[in-house]
């Protein structure tokens, strides 16, 4: 979609480039100048008029006015990680964390995994108690390995929550 929008809107400077959905500062820093150079060369070689360029620029600006503002994903991730850490320190359940942050249990477990990668001293032992069949899941991981979740899910015929399997894996690997 990004390439289609670049090819249609012809952004010829950084401001225009950053208006394209899916492009932020990082992508601009990696690719922006190269694309702008190519787009400008194309505009010259195809004699694309200023009228077309202005019309497309206005169309692009109008299209983003109705959309949500761009999100800094790194910043949002760090904010969520900090909040999950606070909730862990309060000994909150996965489900309550998910409700607090309006996220899924799977997403919360992924954040816990990231936090444990950053700080293995984080006390998450209390979460073991929330997993029905914790020891059985651990034994299944010992049997099948931790590379894939599918065999564990099949082992329990789908009667174990996916988030619980991931949580057990995260807890096992964080030791």
C-alpha atoms as a PDB file:
ATOM      1  CA  UNK A   1       0.000   0.000   0.000  1.00  0.00           C
ATOM      2  CA  UNK A   2       2.845   2.403   0.832  1.00  0.00           C
ATOM      3  CA  UNK A   3       4.431   1.954  -2.589  1.00  0.00           C
ATOM      4  CA  UNK A   4       1.091   2.478  -4.323  1.00  0.00           C
ATOM      5  CA  UNK A   5       0.566   5.711  -2.414  1.00  0.00           C
ATOM      6  CA  UNK A   6       4.092   6.888  -3.207  1.00  0.00           C
ATOM      7  CA  UNK A   7       3.493   6.154  -6.895  1.00  0.00           C
ATOM      8  CA  UNK A   8       0.155   7.965  -6.879  1.00  0.00           C
ATOM      9  CA  UNK A   9       0.819  11.018  -4.697  1.00  0.00           C
ATOM     10  CA  UNK A  10       4.404  11.784  -5.812  1.00  0.00           C
ATOM     11  CA  UNK A  11       5.699  13.232  -2.521  1.00  0.00           C
ATOM     12  CA  UNK A  12       8.626  15.464  -3.465  1.00  0.00           C
ATOM     13  CA  UNK A  13       9.848  16.478  -0.013  1.00  0.00           C
ATOM     14  CA  UNK A  14      10.058  15.183   3.543  1.00  0.00           C
ATOM     15  CA  UNK A  15       6.759  16.753   4.632  1.00  0.00           C
ATOM     16  CA  UNK A  16       4.886  15.113   1.777  1.00  0.00           C
ATOM     17  CA  UNK A  17       6.649  11.801   2.330  1.00  0.00           C
ATOM     18  CA  UNK A  18       5.650  11.737   6.008  1.00  0.00           C
ATOM     19  CA  UNK A  19       1.995  12.193   5.047  1.00  0.00           C
ATOM     20  CA  UNK A  20       1.974   8.728   3.464  1.00  0.00           C
ATOM     21  CA  UNK A  21       0.277   6.202   5.746  1.00  0.00           C
ATOM     22  CA  UNK A  22       2.840   3.712   7.013  1.00  0.00           C
ATOM     23  CA  UNK A  23       5.806   6.059   6.813  1.00  0.00           C
ATOM     24  CA  UNK A  24       7.305   7.633   9.891  1.00  0.00           C
ATOM     25  CA  UNK A  25      10.626   9.196  10.751  1.00  0.00           C
ATOM     26  CA  UNK A  26      12.447   5.839  10.748  1.00  0.00           C
ATOM     27  CA  UNK A  27      11.342   4.847   7.266  1.00  0.00           C
ATOM     28  CA  UNK A  28      11.981   8.330   6.004  1.00  0.00           C
ATOM     29  CA  UNK A  29      15.510   8.261   7.419  1.00  0.00           C
ATOM     30  CA  UNK A  30      16.136   4.878   5.802  1.00  0.00           C
ATOM     31  CA  UNK A  31      14.511   5.397   2.402  1.00  0.00           C
ATOM     32  CA  UNK A  32      13.098   8.903   2.050  1.00  0.00           C
ATOM     33  CA  UNK A  33      15.859  10.739   0.243  1.00  0.00           C
ATOM     34  CA  UNK A  34      16.333   7.894  -2.267  1.00  0.00           C
ATOM     35  CA  UNK A  35      12.610   7.739  -3.026  1.00  0.00           C
ATOM     36  CA  UNK A  36      12.280  11.514  -3.308  1.00  0.00           C
ATOM     37  CA  UNK A  37      15.151  11.580  -5.797  1.00  0.00           C
ATOM     38  CA  UNK A  38      13.549   8.807  -7.869  1.00  0.00           C
ATOM     39  CA  UNK A  39      10.124  10.468  -7.731  1.00  0.00           C
ATOM     40  CA  UNK A  40      11.556  13.832  -8.828  1.00  0.00           C
ATOM     41  CA  UNK A  41      13.398  12.156 -11.712  1.00  0.00           C
ATOM     42  CA  UNK A  42      10.190  10.400 -12.759  1.00  0.00           C
ATOM     43  CA  UNK A  43       8.186  13.633 -12.602  1.00  0.00           C
ATOM     44  CA  UNK A  44      10.732  15.329 -14.915  1.00  0.00           C
ATOM     45  CA  UNK A  45      11.014  12.417 -17.341  1.00  0.00           C
ATOM     46  CA  UNK A  46       7.214  12.066 -17.644  1.00  0.00           C
ATOM     47  CA  UNK A  47       6.554  15.830 -17.716  1.00  0.00           C
ATOM     48  CA  UNK A  48       4.009  15.586 -14.904  1.00  0.00           C
ATOM     49  CA  UNK A  49       2.478  19.025 -14.486  1.00  0.00           C
ATOM     50  CA  UNK A  50       2.484  21.130 -11.337  1.00  0.00           C
ATOM     51  CA  UNK A  51      -1.305  21.105 -11.524  1.00  0.00           C
ATOM     52  CA  UNK A  52      -1.356  17.321 -11.122  1.00  0.00           C
ATOM     53  CA  UNK A  53       1.212  17.483  -8.334  1.00  0.00           C
ATOM     54  CA  UNK A  54      -0.761  20.147  -6.467  1.00  0.00           C
ATOM     55  CA  UNK A  55      -4.039  18.262  -6.908  1.00  0.00           C
ATOM     56  CA  UNK A  56      -2.504  15.043  -5.589  1.00  0.00           C
ATOM     57  CA  UNK A  57      -0.871  16.854  -2.668  1.00  0.00           C
ATOM     58  CA  UNK A  58      -4.237  18.371  -1.684  1.00  0.00           C
ATOM     59  CA  UNK A  59      -5.890  14.972  -2.071  1.00  0.00           C
ATOM     60  CA  UNK A  60      -3.265  13.403   0.213  1.00  0.00           C
ATOM     61  CA  UNK A  61      -3.662  16.133   2.836  1.00  0.00           C
ATOM     62  CA  UNK A  62      -7.427  15.763   2.742  1.00  0.00           C
ATOM     63  CA  UNK A  63      -7.223  11.970   3.122  1.00  0.00           C
ATOM     64  CA  UNK A  64      -5.207  12.170   6.325  1.00  0.00           C
ATOM     65  CA  UNK A  65      -7.465  14.731   7.973  1.00  0.00           C
ATOM     66  CA  UNK A  66     -10.086  12.043   8.540  1.00  0.00           C
ATOM     67  CA  UNK A  67      -7.627   9.442   9.809  1.00  0.00           C
ATOM     68  CA  UNK A  68      -6.151   9.024  13.254  1.00  0.00           C
ATOM     69  CA  UNK A  69      -2.907  10.801  13.963  1.00  0.00           C
ATOM     70  CA  UNK A  70       0.304   8.886  13.322  1.00  0.00           C
ATOM     71  CA  UNK A  71       1.424   6.830  16.288  1.00  0.00           C
ATOM     72  CA  UNK A  72       4.985   6.527  17.436  1.00  0.00           C
ATOM     73  CA  UNK A  73       5.030   2.746  17.854  1.00  0.00           C
ATOM     74  CA  UNK A  74       8.261   2.668  19.859  1.00  0.00           C
ATOM     75  CA  UNK A  75       6.923   5.250  22.282  1.00  0.00           C
ATOM     76  CA  UNK A  76       3.583   3.439  22.615  1.00  0.00           C
ATOM     77  CA  UNK A  77       5.372   0.134  23.213  1.00  0.00           C
ATOM     78  CA  UNK A  78       7.592   1.630  25.911  1.00  0.00           C
ATOM     79  CA  UNK A  79       4.599   3.270  27.594  1.00  0.00           C
ATOM     80  CA  UNK A  80       2.716  -0.024  27.605  1.00  0.00           C
ATOM     81  CA  UNK A  81       5.734  -1.925  28.899  1.00  0.00           C
ATOM     82  CA  UNK A  82       6.076   0.550  31.776  1.00  0.00           C
ATOM     83  CA  UNK A  83       2.390   0.159  32.602  1.00  0.00           C
ATOM     84  CA  UNK A  84       2.569  -3.646  32.481  1.00  0.00           C
ATOM     85  CA  UNK A  85       5.590  -3.521  34.806  1.00  0.00           C
ATOM     86  CA  UNK A  86       3.644  -1.328  37.249  1.00  0.00           C
ATOM     87  CA  UNK A  87       0.734  -3.774  37.166  1.00  0.00           C
ATOM     88  CA  UNK A  88       3.054  -6.744  37.713  1.00  0.00           C
ATOM     89  CA  UNK A  89       4.503  -4.971  40.750  1.00  0.00           C
ATOM     90  CA  UNK A  90       0.902  -4.685  41.993  1.00  0.00           C
ATOM     91  CA  UNK A  91       0.543  -8.462  41.420  1.00  0.00           C
ATOM     92  CA  UNK A  92      -2.321  -7.928  38.994  1.00  0.00           C
ATOM     93  CA  UNK A  93      -3.635 -10.845  36.918  1.00  0.00           C
ATOM     94  CA  UNK A  94      -3.062 -11.085  33.168  1.00  0.00           C
ATOM     95  CA  UNK A  95      -6.777 -10.606  32.546  1.00  0.00           C
ATOM     96  CA  UNK A  96      -6.925  -7.484  34.719  1.00  0.00           C
ATOM     97  CA  UNK A  97      -3.820  -6.078  32.983  1.00  0.00           C
ATOM     98  CA  UNK A  98      -5.476  -6.698  29.629  1.00  0.00           C
ATOM     99  CA  UNK A  99      -8.601  -4.872  30.789  1.00  0.00           C
ATOM    100  CA  UNK A 100      -6.570  -2.000  32.220  1.00  0.00           C
ATOM    101  CA  UNK A 101      -4.705  -1.463  28.948  1.00  0.00           C
ATOM    102  CA  UNK A 102      -7.559  -2.506  26.639  1.00  0.00           C
ATOM    103  CA  UNK A 103      -5.375  -5.226  25.100  1.00  0.00           C
ATOM    104  CA  UNK A 104      -5.654  -8.987  24.686  1.00  0.00           C
ATOM    105  CA  UNK A 105      -4.166 -11.428  27.173  1.00  0.00           C
ATOM    106  CA  UNK A 106      -1.781 -12.611  24.433  1.00  0.00           C
ATOM    107  CA  UNK A 107      -0.483  -9.070  23.976  1.00  0.00           C
ATOM    108  CA  UNK A 108       0.040  -8.673  27.722  1.00  0.00           C
ATOM    109  CA  UNK A 109       1.993 -11.943  27.799  1.00  0.00           C
ATOM    110  CA  UNK A 110       4.147 -10.681  24.927  1.00  0.00           C
ATOM    111  CA  UNK A 111       4.875  -7.508  26.893  1.00  0.00           C
ATOM    112  CA  UNK A 112       5.793  -9.607  29.927  1.00  0.00           C
ATOM    113  CA  UNK A 113       8.208 -11.569  27.729  1.00  0.00           C
ATOM    114  CA  UNK A 114       9.821  -8.317  26.544  1.00  0.00           C
ATOM    115  CA  UNK A 115      10.068  -7.039  30.113  1.00  0.00           C
ATOM    116  CA  UNK A 116      11.731 -10.250  31.269  1.00  0.00           C
ATOM    117  CA  UNK A 117      14.204 -10.006  28.410  1.00  0.00           C
ATOM    118  CA  UNK A 118      15.109  -6.521  29.640  1.00  0.00           C
ATOM    119  CA  UNK A 119      15.028  -7.383  33.352  1.00  0.00           C
ATOM    120  CA  UNK A 120      15.108 -11.040  34.385  1.00  0.00           C
ATOM    121  CA  UNK A 121      14.810 -10.055  38.069  1.00  0.00           C
ATOM    122  CA  UNK A 122      11.199  -8.936  37.577  1.00  0.00           C
ATOM    123  CA  UNK A 123       9.064 -11.022  39.958  1.00  0.00           C
ATOM    124  CA  UNK A 124       6.365 -12.754  37.915  1.00  0.00           C
ATOM    125  CA  UNK A 125       6.253 -16.023  39.865  1.00  0.00           C
ATOM    126  CA  UNK A 126       2.789 -15.200  41.156  1.00  0.00           C
ATOM    127  CA  UNK A 127       1.466 -15.555  37.581  1.00  0.00           C
ATOM    128  CA  UNK A 128       2.147 -19.308  37.667  1.00  0.00           C
ATOM    129  CA  UNK A 129      -0.793 -19.673  40.038  1.00  0.00           C
ATOM    130  CA  UNK A 130      -3.157 -18.227  37.442  1.00  0.00           C
ATOM    131  CA  UNK A 131      -2.369 -20.952  34.895  1.00  0.00           C
ATOM    132  CA  UNK A 132      -4.500 -24.069  35.204  1.00  0.00           C
ATOM    133  CA  UNK A 133      -2.289 -27.087  34.613  1.00  0.00           C
ATOM    134  CA  UNK A 134       0.957 -25.133  34.799  1.00  0.00           C
ATOM    135  CA  UNK A 135       3.072 -28.214  35.545  1.00  0.00           C
ATOM    136  CA  UNK A 136       1.383 -30.192  32.764  1.00  0.00           C
ATOM    137  CA  UNK A 137       2.213 -27.438  30.275  1.00  0.00           C
ATOM    138  CA  UNK A 138       5.814 -27.347  31.522  1.00  0.00           C
ATOM    139  CA  UNK A 139       6.046 -31.114  30.988  1.00  0.00           C
ATOM    140  CA  UNK A 140       4.620 -30.748  27.481  1.00  0.00           C
ATOM    141  CA  UNK A 141       7.288 -28.158  26.685  1.00  0.00           C
ATOM    142  CA  UNK A 142       9.925 -30.543  28.000  1.00  0.00           C
ATOM    143  CA  UNK A 143       8.508 -33.224  25.701  1.00  0.00           C
ATOM    144  CA  UNK A 144       8.156 -31.090  22.553  1.00  0.00           C
ATOM    145  CA  UNK A 145      10.608 -28.238  23.101  1.00  0.00           C
ATOM    146  CA  UNK A 146       9.917 -24.511  23.278  1.00  0.00           C
ATOM    147  CA  UNK A 147      10.370 -23.629  19.597  1.00  0.00           C
ATOM    148  CA  UNK A 148       6.730 -24.139  18.610  1.00  0.00           C
ATOM    149  CA  UNK A 149       3.477 -23.636  20.466  1.00  0.00           C
ATOM    150  CA  UNK A 150       1.293 -25.745  18.138  1.00  0.00           C
ATOM    151  CA  UNK A 151       2.308 -29.168  19.505  1.00  0.00           C
ATOM    152  CA  UNK A 152       1.565 -28.001  23.045  1.00  0.00           C
ATOM    153  CA  UNK A 153      -1.870 -26.730  22.029  1.00  0.00           C
ATOM    154  CA  UNK A 154      -2.606 -30.033  20.270  1.00  0.00           C
ATOM    155  CA  UNK A 155      -1.365 -32.007  23.292  1.00  0.00           C
ATOM    156  CA  UNK A 156      -4.189 -30.464  25.310  1.00  0.00           C
ATOM    157  CA  UNK A 157      -6.740 -30.745  22.472  1.00  0.00           C
ATOM    158  CA  UNK A 158      -7.285 -27.011  22.530  1.00  0.00           C
ATOM    159  CA  UNK A 159      -8.481 -27.107  26.146  1.00  0.00           C
ATOM    160  CA  UNK A 160      -5.720 -24.775  27.319  1.00  0.00           C
ATOM    161  CA  UNK A 161      -5.731 -21.072  26.550  1.00  0.00           C
ATOM    162  CA  UNK A 162      -3.115 -19.999  24.017  1.00  0.00           C
ATOM    163  CA  UNK A 163      -2.124 -17.110  26.322  1.00  0.00           C
ATOM    164  CA  UNK A 164      -1.504 -19.609  29.144  1.00  0.00           C
ATOM    165  CA  UNK A 165       0.798 -21.685  26.944  1.00  0.00           C
ATOM    166  CA  UNK A 166       2.747 -18.579  25.912  1.00  0.00           C
ATOM    167  CA  UNK A 167       2.903 -17.401  29.534  1.00  0.00           C
ATOM    168  CA  UNK A 168       4.326 -20.735  30.688  1.00  0.00           C
ATOM    169  CA  UNK A 169       6.903 -20.572  27.895  1.00  0.00           C
ATOM    170  CA  UNK A 170       7.863 -17.018  28.863  1.00  0.00           C
ATOM    171  CA  UNK A 171       8.157 -17.999  32.520  1.00  0.00           C
ATOM    172  CA  UNK A 172      10.217 -21.079  31.691  1.00  0.00           C
ATOM    173  CA  UNK A 173      12.624 -19.185  29.443  1.00  0.00           C
ATOM    174  CA  UNK A 174      13.043 -16.336  31.921  1.00  0.00           C
ATOM    175  CA  UNK A 175      14.682 -18.506  34.574  1.00  0.00           C
END
